[in-house]
Amino acid sequence: MQISVKFFASLREQMGTDEEMVESTAPLSIAGVWQLVTDRAPPENLLCSRNLKYVDWDESVEDGDEVAFFPPVTGG
């Protein structure tokens, strides 16, 4: 399965890219996608989406999905 992973705001700067493609033959959750691209456990304050909808970290992903990670939005 192939997943498009997008990074926004400060995550884009930290990752050095705004998008990455992930391939896996095993079933993945959003948390599993994060671990594949960062080799770290997901931070508590990070937001995630699957196909443009906010989801929980245990949400399963499917072939062709778009997963996005971004820091919490702040305003002023």
PDB file of N, CA and C in Angstrom:
ATOM      1  N   MET A   1       0.842  -1.169   0.000  1.00  0.00           N
ATOM      2  CA  MET A   1       0.000   0.000   0.000  1.00  0.00           C
ATOM      3  C   MET A   1       0.886   1.230   0.000  1.00  0.00           C
ATOM      4  N   GLN A   2       0.407   2.285  -0.622  1.00  0.00           N
ATOM      5  CA  GLN A   2       1.154   3.529  -0.713  1.00  0.00           C
ATOM      6  C   GLN A   2       0.321   4.649  -0.082  1.00  0.00           C
ATOM      7  N   ILE A   3       0.974   5.405   0.822  1.00  0.00           N
ATOM      8  CA  ILE A   3       0.315   6.485   1.566  1.00  0.00           C
ATOM      9  C   ILE A   3       1.078   7.779   1.320  1.00  0.00           C
ATOM     10  N   SER A   4       0.355   8.843   1.043  1.00  0.00           N
ATOM     11  CA  SER A   4       0.945  10.176   0.919  1.00  0.00           C
ATOM     12  C   SER A   4       0.918  10.829   2.298  1.00  0.00           C
ATOM     13  N   VAL A   5       2.064  11.288   2.766  1.00  0.00           N
ATOM     14  CA  VAL A   5       2.171  11.901   4.093  1.00  0.00           C
ATOM     15  C   VAL A   5       2.575  13.354   3.929  1.00  0.00           C
ATOM     16  N   LYS A   6       1.803  14.251   4.531  1.00  0.00           N
ATOM     17  CA  LYS A   6       2.087  15.685   4.431  1.00  0.00           C
ATOM     18  C   LYS A   6       2.413  16.255   5.808  1.00  0.00           C
ATOM     19  N   PHE A   7       3.320  17.234   5.798  1.00  0.00           N
ATOM     20  CA  PHE A   7       3.749  17.903   7.023  1.00  0.00           C
ATOM     21  C   PHE A   7       3.478  19.399   6.877  1.00  0.00           C
ATOM     22  N   PHE A   8       2.936  20.001   7.914  1.00  0.00           N
ATOM     23  CA  PHE A   8       2.583  21.411   7.861  1.00  0.00           C
ATOM     24  C   PHE A   8       3.274  22.207   8.962  1.00  0.00           C
ATOM     25  N   ALA A   9       3.388  23.507   8.700  1.00  0.00           N
ATOM     26  CA  ALA A   9       3.936  24.489   9.655  1.00  0.00           C
ATOM     27  C   ALA A   9       5.338  24.077  10.100  1.00  0.00           C
ATOM     28  N   SER A  10       5.595  24.107  11.396  1.00  0.00           N
ATOM     29  CA  SER A  10       6.943  23.825  11.896  1.00  0.00           C
ATOM     30  C   SER A  10       7.384  22.388  11.613  1.00  0.00           C
ATOM     31  N   LEU A  11       6.443  21.466  11.457  1.00  0.00           N
ATOM     32  CA  LEU A  11       6.818  20.087  11.120  1.00  0.00           C
ATOM     33  C   LEU A  11       7.475  20.011   9.747  1.00  0.00           C
ATOM     34  N   ARG A  12       7.006  20.827   8.824  1.00  0.00           N
ATOM     35  CA  ARG A  12       7.597  20.862   7.486  1.00  0.00           C
ATOM     36  C   ARG A  12       9.065  21.256   7.593  1.00  0.00           C
ATOM     37  N   GLU A  13       9.355  22.242   8.429  1.00  0.00           N
ATOM     38  CA  GLU A  13      10.739  22.680   8.610  1.00  0.00           C
ATOM     39  C   GLU A  13      11.572  21.605   9.296  1.00  0.00           C
ATOM     40  N   GLN A  14      11.018  20.958  10.307  1.00  0.00           N
ATOM     41  CA  GLN A  14      11.743  19.917  11.026  1.00  0.00           C
ATOM     42  C   GLN A  14      12.043  18.712  10.143  1.00  0.00           C
ATOM     43  N   MET A  15      11.087  18.337   9.294  1.00  0.00           N
ATOM     44  CA  MET A  15      11.249  17.172   8.434  1.00  0.00           C
ATOM     45  C   MET A  15      12.078  17.481   7.184  1.00  0.00           C
ATOM     46  N   GLY A  16      12.169  18.759   6.826  1.00  0.00           N
ATOM     47  CA  GLY A  16      12.913  19.150   5.644  1.00  0.00           C
ATOM     48  C   GLY A  16      12.166  18.898   4.344  1.00  0.00           C
ATOM     49  N   THR A  17      10.876  18.619   4.450  1.00  0.00           N
ATOM     50  CA  THR A  17      10.029  18.382   3.281  1.00  0.00           C
ATOM     51  C   THR A  17       8.576  18.624   3.666  1.00  0.00           C
ATOM     52  N   ASP A  18       7.745  18.851   2.663  1.00  0.00           N
ATOM     53  CA  ASP A  18       6.325  19.018   2.969  1.00  0.00           C
ATOM     54  C   ASP A  18       5.519  17.767   2.647  1.00  0.00           C
ATOM     55  N   GLU A  19       6.136  16.815   1.941  1.00  0.00           N
ATOM     56  CA  GLU A  19       5.414  15.596   1.584  1.00  0.00           C
ATOM     57  C   GLU A  19       6.376  14.436   1.404  1.00  0.00           C
ATOM     58  N   GLU A  20       5.904  13.251   1.777  1.00  0.00           N
ATOM     59  CA  GLU A  20       6.693  12.030   1.646  1.00  0.00           C
ATOM     60  C   GLU A  20       5.738  10.894   1.298  1.00  0.00           C
ATOM     61  N   MET A  21       6.200   9.952   0.524  1.00  0.00           N
ATOM     62  CA  MET A  21       5.405   8.764   0.208  1.00  0.00           C
ATOM     63  C   MET A  21       5.896   7.602   1.064  1.00  0.00           C
ATOM     64  N   VAL A  22       4.946   6.846   1.634  1.00  0.00           N
ATOM     65  CA  VAL A  22       5.266   5.697   2.476  1.00  0.00           C
ATOM     66  C   VAL A  22       4.672   4.458   1.827  1.00  0.00           C
ATOM     67  N   GLU A  23       5.452   3.397   1.798  1.00  0.00           N
ATOM     68  CA  GLU A  23       4.960   2.126   1.286  1.00  0.00           C
ATOM     69  C   GLU A  23       5.077   1.077   2.380  1.00  0.00           C
ATOM     70  N   SER A  24       4.036   0.242   2.462  1.00  0.00           N
ATOM     71  CA  SER A  24       4.028  -0.814   3.465  1.00  0.00           C
ATOM     72  C   SER A  24       3.170  -1.970   2.972  1.00  0.00           C
ATOM     73  N   THR A  25       3.568  -3.171   3.322  1.00  0.00           N
ATOM     74  CA  THR A  25       2.748  -4.334   3.009  1.00  0.00           C
ATOM     75  C   THR A  25       1.898  -4.739   4.206  1.00  0.00           C
ATOM     76  N   ALA A  26       2.241  -4.203   5.384  1.00  0.00           N
ATOM     77  CA  ALA A  26       1.503  -4.504   6.604  1.00  0.00           C
ATOM     78  C   ALA A  26       0.434  -3.442   6.862  1.00  0.00           C
ATOM     79  N   PRO A  27      -0.648  -3.806   7.532  1.00  0.00           N
ATOM     80  CA  PRO A  27      -1.650  -2.806   7.912  1.00  0.00           C
ATOM     81  C   PRO A  27      -1.016  -1.742   8.802  1.00  0.00           C
ATOM     82  N   LEU A  28      -1.452  -0.498   8.638  1.00  0.00           N
ATOM     83  CA  LEU A  28      -0.900   0.620   9.411  1.00  0.00           C
ATOM     84  C   LEU A  28      -2.006   1.458  10.019  1.00  0.00           C
ATOM     85  N   SER A  29      -1.697   2.034  11.167  1.00  0.00           N
ATOM     86  CA  SER A  29      -2.527   3.067  11.766  1.00  0.00           C
ATOM     87  C   SER A  29      -1.840   4.408  11.491  1.00  0.00           C
ATOM     88  N   ILE A  30      -2.501   5.486  11.849  1.00  0.00           N
ATOM     89  CA  ILE A  30      -1.880   6.808  11.722  1.00  0.00           C
ATOM     90  C   ILE A  30      -0.588   6.839  12.541  1.00  0.00           C
ATOM     91  N   ALA A  31      -0.624   6.288  13.745  1.00  0.00           N
ATOM     92  CA  ALA A  31       0.584   6.244  14.587  1.00  0.00           C
ATOM     93  C   ALA A  31       1.689   5.443  13.903  1.00  0.00           C
ATOM     94  N   GLY A  32       1.326   4.371  13.228  1.00  0.00           N
ATOM     95  CA  GLY A  32       2.311   3.571  12.509  1.00  0.00           C
ATOM     96  C   GLY A  32       2.948   4.337  11.366  1.00  0.00           C
ATOM     97  N   VAL A  33       2.160   5.154  10.683  1.00  0.00           N
ATOM     98  CA  VAL A  33       2.697   5.997   9.617  1.00  0.00           C
ATOM     99  C   VAL A  33       3.697   6.982  10.202  1.00  0.00           C
ATOM    100  N   TRP A  34       3.334   7.636  11.312  1.00  0.00           N
ATOM    101  CA  TRP A  34       4.237   8.586  11.967  1.00  0.00           C
ATOM    102  C   TRP A  34       5.557   7.899  12.331  1.00  0.00           C
ATOM    103  N   GLN A  35       5.470   6.701  12.898  1.00  0.00           N
ATOM    104  CA  GLN A  35       6.685   5.994  13.295  1.00  0.00           C
ATOM    105  C   GLN A  35       7.543   5.612  12.083  1.00  0.00           C
ATOM    106  N   LEU A  36       6.929   5.282  10.958  1.00  0.00           N
ATOM    107  CA  LEU A  36       7.705   4.976   9.753  1.00  0.00           C
ATOM    108  C   LEU A  36       8.488   6.179   9.250  1.00  0.00           C
ATOM    109  N   VAL A  37       7.882   7.364   9.301  1.00  0.00           N
ATOM    110  CA  VAL A  37       8.562   8.539   8.742  1.00  0.00           C
ATOM    111  C   VAL A  37       9.484   9.235   9.734  1.00  0.00           C
ATOM    112  N   THR A  38       9.317   8.980  11.035  1.00  0.00           N
ATOM    113  CA  THR A  38      10.155   9.678  12.010  1.00  0.00           C
ATOM    114  C   THR A  38      10.981   8.763  12.886  1.00  0.00           C
ATOM    115  N   ASP A  39      10.616   7.479  12.970  1.00  0.00           N
ATOM    116  CA  ASP A  39      11.257   6.531  13.873  1.00  0.00           C
ATOM    117  C   ASP A  39      11.090   6.934  15.331  1.00  0.00           C
ATOM    118  N   ARG A  40       9.988   7.644  15.629  1.00  0.00           N
ATOM    119  CA  ARG A  40       9.679   8.083  16.997  1.00  0.00           C
ATOM    120  C   ARG A  40       8.206   7.828  17.294  1.00  0.00           C
ATOM    121  N   ALA A  41       7.889   7.753  18.584  1.00  0.00           N
ATOM    122  CA  ALA A  41       6.485   7.676  19.000  1.00  0.00           C
ATOM    123  C   ALA A  41       5.827   9.032  18.749  1.00  0.00           C
ATOM    124  N   PRO A  42       4.541   9.042  18.461  1.00  0.00           N
ATOM    125  CA  PRO A  42       3.865  10.317  18.190  1.00  0.00           C
ATOM    126  C   PRO A  42       3.822  11.222  19.418  1.00  0.00           C
ATOM    127  N   PRO A  43       4.097  12.510  19.248  1.00  0.00           N
ATOM    128  CA  PRO A  43       3.971  13.451  20.356  1.00  0.00           C
ATOM    129  C   PRO A  43       2.502  13.645  20.722  1.00  0.00           C
ATOM    130  N   GLU A  44       2.250  13.931  21.976  1.00  0.00           N
ATOM    131  CA  GLU A  44       0.879  14.071  22.470  1.00  0.00           C
ATOM    132  C   GLU A  44       0.130  15.240  21.847  1.00  0.00           C
ATOM    133  N   ASN A  45       0.809  16.316  21.535  1.00  0.00           N
ATOM    134  CA  ASN A  45       0.115  17.525  21.098  1.00  0.00           C
ATOM    135  C   ASN A  45      -0.011  17.649  19.580  1.00  0.00           C
ATOM    136  N   LEU A  46       0.427  16.661  18.844  1.00  0.00           N
ATOM    137  CA  LEU A  46       0.381  16.723  17.390  1.00  0.00           C
ATOM    138  C   LEU A  46      -1.010  16.353  16.883  1.00  0.00           C
ATOM    139  N   LEU A  47      -1.488  17.063  15.871  1.00  0.00           N
ATOM    140  CA  LEU A  47      -2.778  16.764  15.250  1.00  0.00           C
ATOM    141  C   LEU A  47      -2.543  15.949  13.988  1.00  0.00           C
ATOM    142  N   CYS A  48      -3.519  15.119  13.634  1.00  0.00           N
ATOM    143  CA  CYS A  48      -3.384  14.305  12.428  1.00  0.00           C
ATOM    144  C   CYS A  48      -4.718  14.224  11.706  1.00  0.00           C
ATOM    145  N   SER A  49      -4.619  14.002  10.394  1.00  0.00           N
ATOM    146  CA  SER A  49      -5.831  13.834   9.596  1.00  0.00           C
ATOM    147  C   SER A  49      -5.620  12.719   8.592  1.00  0.00           C
ATOM    148  N   ARG A  50      -6.730  12.147   8.174  1.00  0.00           N
ATOM    149  CA  ARG A  50      -6.737  11.132   7.114  1.00  0.00           C
ATOM    150  C   ARG A  50      -7.748  11.591   6.081  1.00  0.00           C
ATOM    151  N   ASN A  51      -7.281  11.792   4.877  1.00  0.00           N
ATOM    152  CA  ASN A  51      -8.152  12.245   3.785  1.00  0.00           C
ATOM    153  C   ASN A  51      -8.955  13.488   4.170  1.00  0.00           C
ATOM    154  N   LEU A  52      -8.240  14.464   4.746  1.00  0.00           N
ATOM    155  CA  LEU A  52      -8.768  15.790   5.085  1.00  0.00           C
ATOM    156  C   LEU A  52      -9.744  15.816   6.256  1.00  0.00           C
ATOM    157  N   LYS A  53      -9.776  14.770   7.079  1.00  0.00           N
ATOM    158  CA  LYS A  53     -10.628  14.741   8.269  1.00  0.00           C
ATOM    159  C   LYS A  53      -9.773  14.426   9.485  1.00  0.00           C
ATOM    160  N   TYR A  54      -9.983  15.187  10.578  1.00  0.00           N
ATOM    161  CA  TYR A  54      -9.270  14.894  11.814  1.00  0.00           C
ATOM    162  C   TYR A  54      -9.598  13.486  12.273  1.00  0.00           C
ATOM    163  N   VAL A  55      -8.568  12.758  12.717  1.00  0.00           N
ATOM    164  CA  VAL A  55      -8.751  11.384  13.187  1.00  0.00           C
ATOM    165  C   VAL A  55      -7.881  11.141  14.415  1.00  0.00           C
ATOM    166  N   ASP A  56      -8.150  10.027  15.083  1.00  0.00           N
ATOM    167  CA  ASP A  56      -7.329   9.594  16.211  1.00  0.00           C
ATOM    168  C   ASP A  56      -6.125   8.816  15.692  1.00  0.00           C
ATOM    169  N   TRP A  57      -5.129   8.683  16.538  1.00  0.00           N
ATOM    170  CA  TRP A  57      -3.886   8.011  16.161  1.00  0.00           C
ATOM    171  C   TRP A  57      -4.087   6.540  15.820  1.00  0.00           C
ATOM    172  N   ASP A  58      -5.147   5.909  16.340  1.00  0.00           N
ATOM    173  CA  ASP A  58      -5.363   4.491  16.076  1.00  0.00           C
ATOM    174  C   ASP A  58      -6.182   4.232  14.810  1.00  0.00           C
ATOM    175  N   GLU A  59      -6.551   5.280  14.088  1.00  0.00           N
ATOM    176  CA  GLU A  59      -7.287   5.148  12.826  1.00  0.00           C
ATOM    177  C   GLU A  59      -6.449   4.368  11.809  1.00  0.00           C
ATOM    178  N   SER A  60      -7.061   3.388  11.165  1.00  0.00           N
ATOM    179  CA  SER A  60      -6.368   2.609  10.139  1.00  0.00           C
ATOM    180  C   SER A  60      -6.267   3.400   8.840  1.00  0.00           C
ATOM    181  N   VAL A  61      -5.202   3.158   8.101  1.00  0.00           N
ATOM    182  CA  VAL A  61      -5.042   3.787   6.788  1.00  0.00           C
ATOM    183  C   VAL A  61      -5.143   2.722   5.710  1.00  0.00           C
ATOM    184  N   GLU A  62      -5.504   3.172   4.509  1.00  0.00           N
ATOM    185  CA  GLU A  62      -5.656   2.275   3.372  1.00  0.00           C
ATOM    186  C   GLU A  62      -4.832   2.789   2.204  1.00  0.00           C
ATOM    187  N   ASP A  63      -4.623   1.929   1.239  1.00  0.00           N
ATOM    188  CA  ASP A  63      -3.867   2.287   0.056  1.00  0.00           C
ATOM    189  C   ASP A  63      -4.444   3.541  -0.592  1.00  0.00           C
ATOM    190  N   GLY A  64      -3.571   4.494  -0.905  1.00  0.00           N
ATOM    191  CA  GLY A  64      -3.990   5.727  -1.560  1.00  0.00           C
ATOM    192  C   GLY A  64      -4.416   6.838  -0.624  1.00  0.00           C
ATOM    193  N   ASP A  65      -4.451   6.583   0.682  1.00  0.00           N
ATOM    194  CA  ASP A  65      -4.843   7.619   1.638  1.00  0.00           C
ATOM    195  C   ASP A  65      -3.824   8.746   1.688  1.00  0.00           C
ATOM    196  N   GLU A  66      -4.304   9.907   2.121  1.00  0.00           N
ATOM    197  CA  GLU A  66      -3.441  11.039   2.424  1.00  0.00           C
ATOM    198  C   GLU A  66      -3.495  11.253   3.928  1.00  0.00           C
ATOM    199  N   VAL A  67      -2.348  11.223   4.573  1.00  0.00           N
ATOM    200  CA  VAL A  67      -2.238  11.454   6.013  1.00  0.00           C
ATOM    201  C   VAL A  67      -1.472  12.747   6.209  1.00  0.00           C
ATOM    202  N   ALA A  68      -1.971  13.601   7.090  1.00  0.00           N
ATOM    203  CA  ALA A  68      -1.303  14.874   7.352  1.00  0.00           C
ATOM    204  C   ALA A  68      -1.050  15.035   8.841  1.00  0.00           C
ATOM    205  N   PHE A  69       0.088  15.637   9.158  1.00  0.00           N
ATOM    206  CA  PHE A  69       0.476  15.918  10.539  1.00  0.00           C
ATOM    207  C   PHE A  69       0.752  17.409  10.669  1.00  0.00           C
ATOM    208  N   PHE A  70       0.277  17.995  11.772  1.00  0.00           N
ATOM    209  CA  PHE A  70       0.520  19.425  11.970  1.00  0.00           C
ATOM    210  C   PHE A  70       0.407  19.754  13.450  1.00  0.00           C
ATOM    211  N   PRO A  71       1.137  20.792  13.862  1.00  0.00           N
ATOM    212  CA  PRO A  71       1.078  21.211  15.264  1.00  0.00           C
ATOM    213  C   PRO A  71      -0.269  21.869  15.540  1.00  0.00           C
ATOM    214  N   PRO A  72      -0.655  21.936  16.814  1.00  0.00           N
ATOM    215  CA  PRO A  72      -1.919  22.581  17.149  1.00  0.00           C
ATOM    216  C   PRO A  72      -1.955  24.017  16.638  1.00  0.00           C
ATOM    217  N   VAL A  73      -3.117  24.438  16.226  1.00  0.00           N
ATOM    218  CA  VAL A  73      -3.293  25.801  15.714  1.00  0.00           C
ATOM    219  C   VAL A  73      -3.436  26.751  16.900  1.00  0.00           C
ATOM    220  N   THR A  74      -2.717  27.853  16.819  1.00  0.00           N
ATOM    221  CA  THR A  74      -2.841  28.882  17.839  1.00  0.00           C
ATOM    222  C   THR A  74      -3.287  30.172  17.181  1.00  0.00           C
ATOM    223  N   GLY A  75      -3.915  30.985  17.946  1.00  0.00           N
ATOM    224  CA  GLY A  75      -4.404  32.256  17.388  1.00  0.00           C
ATOM    225  C   GLY A  75      -4.102  33.404  18.328  1.00  0.00           C
ATOM    226  N   GLY A  76      -4.426  34.548  17.868  1.00  0.00           N
ATOM    227  CA  GLY A  76      -4.134  35.703  18.710  1.00  0.00           C
ATOM    228  C   GLY A  76      -5.011  36.859  18.391  1.00  0.00           C
TER     229      GLY A  76
END
